[in-house]
N, C-alpha and C. Protein backbone atom coordinates (compact mmCIF):
# COMPACT_ATOMS: atom_id res chain seq x y z
N MET A 1 6.10 27.41 -9.34
CA MET A 1 7.21 26.62 -9.85
C MET A 1 7.63 25.62 -8.78
N LYS A 2 7.89 24.42 -9.21
CA LYS A 2 8.33 23.36 -8.30
C LYS A 2 9.78 23.58 -7.93
N ASN A 3 10.12 23.23 -6.69
CA ASN A 3 11.52 23.31 -6.31
C ASN A 3 12.21 21.98 -6.62
N GLU A 4 13.51 21.94 -6.44
CA GLU A 4 14.30 20.76 -6.80
C GLU A 4 13.82 19.50 -6.08
N LYS A 5 13.49 19.62 -4.81
CA LYS A 5 13.04 18.46 -4.03
C LYS A 5 11.72 17.91 -4.59
N GLU A 6 10.80 18.79 -4.92
CA GLU A 6 9.51 18.36 -5.47
C GLU A 6 9.68 17.67 -6.82
N ILE A 7 10.56 18.21 -7.66
CA ILE A 7 10.81 17.60 -8.96
C ILE A 7 11.45 16.22 -8.78
N LYS A 8 12.39 16.10 -7.85
CA LYS A 8 13.03 14.81 -7.57
C LYS A 8 12.00 13.78 -7.12
N GLU A 9 11.05 14.19 -6.28
CA GLU A 9 10.00 13.28 -5.82
C GLU A 9 9.13 12.81 -7.00
N ILE A 10 8.82 13.73 -7.89
CA ILE A 10 8.02 13.38 -9.07
C ILE A 10 8.79 12.41 -9.96
N VAL A 11 10.08 12.69 -10.17
CA VAL A 11 10.92 11.82 -11.00
C VAL A 11 10.98 10.42 -10.38
N ASP A 12 11.18 10.34 -9.07
CA ASP A 12 11.23 9.03 -8.40
C ASP A 12 9.93 8.26 -8.58
N GLU A 13 8.82 8.97 -8.46
CA GLU A 13 7.51 8.34 -8.62
C GLU A 13 7.32 7.83 -10.05
N LEU A 14 7.72 8.65 -11.02
CA LEU A 14 7.59 8.24 -12.42
C LEU A 14 8.52 7.08 -12.75
N GLU A 15 9.73 7.10 -12.19
CA GLU A 15 10.66 6.01 -12.44
C GLU A 15 10.11 4.68 -11.96
N SER A 16 9.44 4.70 -10.81
CA SER A 16 8.87 3.45 -10.32
C SER A 16 7.73 2.99 -11.21
N ALA A 17 7.02 3.91 -11.83
CA ALA A 17 5.92 3.54 -12.73
C ALA A 17 6.44 3.03 -14.07
N VAL A 18 7.59 3.52 -14.50
CA VAL A 18 8.14 3.16 -15.80
C VAL A 18 9.02 1.91 -15.72
N ASN A 19 9.51 1.58 -14.54
CA ASN A 19 10.42 0.46 -14.37
C ASN A 19 9.75 -0.85 -14.78
N VAL A 20 10.21 -1.40 -15.89
CA VAL A 20 9.67 -2.66 -16.40
C VAL A 20 10.85 -3.62 -16.57
N ASP A 21 10.98 -4.55 -15.63
CA ASP A 21 12.09 -5.49 -15.67
C ASP A 21 11.83 -6.69 -16.57
N ASP A 22 10.60 -7.08 -16.69
CA ASP A 22 10.21 -8.26 -17.46
C ASP A 22 10.12 -7.90 -18.94
N THR A 23 10.84 -8.62 -19.78
CA THR A 23 10.86 -8.35 -21.22
C THR A 23 9.47 -8.48 -21.83
N GLU A 24 8.73 -9.49 -21.44
CA GLU A 24 7.38 -9.67 -21.98
C GLU A 24 6.49 -8.49 -21.61
N GLU A 25 6.61 -8.05 -20.37
CA GLU A 25 5.80 -6.90 -19.94
C GLU A 25 6.20 -5.65 -20.71
N TYR A 26 7.50 -5.45 -20.90
CA TYR A 26 7.96 -4.28 -21.66
C TYR A 26 7.42 -4.32 -23.09
N ASP A 27 7.51 -5.49 -23.71
CA ASP A 27 7.00 -5.63 -25.08
C ASP A 27 5.51 -5.28 -25.15
N ARG A 28 4.79 -5.62 -24.10
CA ARG A 28 3.35 -5.36 -24.07
C ARG A 28 3.05 -3.87 -23.97
N VAL A 29 3.85 -3.14 -23.19
CA VAL A 29 3.55 -1.72 -22.95
C VAL A 29 4.36 -0.75 -23.80
N ALA A 30 5.39 -1.23 -24.47
CA ALA A 30 6.31 -0.35 -25.19
C ALA A 30 5.62 0.51 -26.25
N GLU A 31 4.59 0.01 -26.86
CA GLU A 31 3.89 0.76 -27.91
C GLU A 31 2.68 1.53 -27.39
N ASP A 32 2.41 1.42 -26.11
CA ASP A 32 1.27 2.12 -25.52
C ASP A 32 1.55 3.62 -25.50
N LYS A 33 0.62 4.42 -26.01
CA LYS A 33 0.85 5.87 -26.10
C LYS A 33 1.01 6.52 -24.73
N ASP A 34 0.31 6.02 -23.73
CA ASP A 34 0.45 6.59 -22.38
C ASP A 34 1.81 6.26 -21.78
N PHE A 35 2.32 5.04 -22.04
CA PHE A 35 3.64 4.66 -21.57
C PHE A 35 4.71 5.53 -22.22
N LYS A 36 4.58 5.75 -23.53
CA LYS A 36 5.54 6.60 -24.24
C LYS A 36 5.50 8.03 -23.69
N TYR A 37 4.30 8.53 -23.44
CA TYR A 37 4.14 9.88 -22.89
C TYR A 37 4.80 9.97 -21.52
N LEU A 38 4.58 8.97 -20.68
CA LEU A 38 5.18 8.95 -19.35
C LEU A 38 6.70 8.95 -19.44
N CYS A 39 7.25 8.18 -20.37
CA CYS A 39 8.70 8.16 -20.56
C CYS A 39 9.22 9.52 -21.01
N ASN A 40 8.48 10.19 -21.89
CA ASN A 40 8.89 11.52 -22.36
C ASN A 40 8.85 12.54 -21.22
N VAL A 41 7.82 12.48 -20.40
CA VAL A 41 7.72 13.39 -19.25
C VAL A 41 8.87 13.12 -18.28
N LEU A 42 9.16 11.85 -18.03
CA LEU A 42 10.26 11.48 -17.15
C LEU A 42 11.58 12.01 -17.69
N ASP A 43 11.82 11.85 -18.98
CA ASP A 43 13.05 12.37 -19.59
C ASP A 43 13.14 13.88 -19.44
N ALA A 44 12.05 14.58 -19.68
CA ALA A 44 12.05 16.04 -19.57
C ALA A 44 12.31 16.50 -18.14
N LEU A 45 11.65 15.88 -17.18
CA LEU A 45 11.86 16.27 -15.78
C LEU A 45 13.27 15.92 -15.32
N SER A 46 13.80 14.81 -15.77
CA SER A 46 15.18 14.44 -15.42
C SER A 46 16.15 15.48 -15.98
N TRP A 47 15.89 15.95 -17.19
CA TRP A 47 16.74 16.98 -17.79
C TRP A 47 16.66 18.27 -16.96
N VAL A 48 15.45 18.69 -16.62
CA VAL A 48 15.26 19.90 -15.81
C VAL A 48 15.99 19.76 -14.49
N LEU A 49 15.86 18.61 -13.86
CA LEU A 49 16.52 18.38 -12.58
C LEU A 49 18.04 18.49 -12.72
N GLY A 50 18.56 17.96 -13.81
CA GLY A 50 20.00 18.07 -14.07
C GLY A 50 20.44 19.50 -14.29
N GLU A 51 19.60 20.31 -14.91
CA GLU A 51 19.94 21.71 -15.17
C GLU A 51 19.91 22.56 -13.90
N ILE A 52 19.03 22.24 -12.96
CA ILE A 52 18.92 23.09 -11.76
C ILE A 52 19.75 22.57 -10.60
N SER A 53 20.31 21.38 -10.75
CA SER A 53 21.13 20.81 -9.66
C SER A 53 22.53 21.38 -9.69
């Protein structure tokens, strides 16, 4: 099981991968199944982090 610090590091890494500031770029990737999956994983890990903090 990952500890809180390890989960936070994973969340930070995923956030940098998901961060899309450009509207055109977001429109391009928004429907990509891998992008959606990454966002779902990020949401789940963020929730877990909130529960154990």
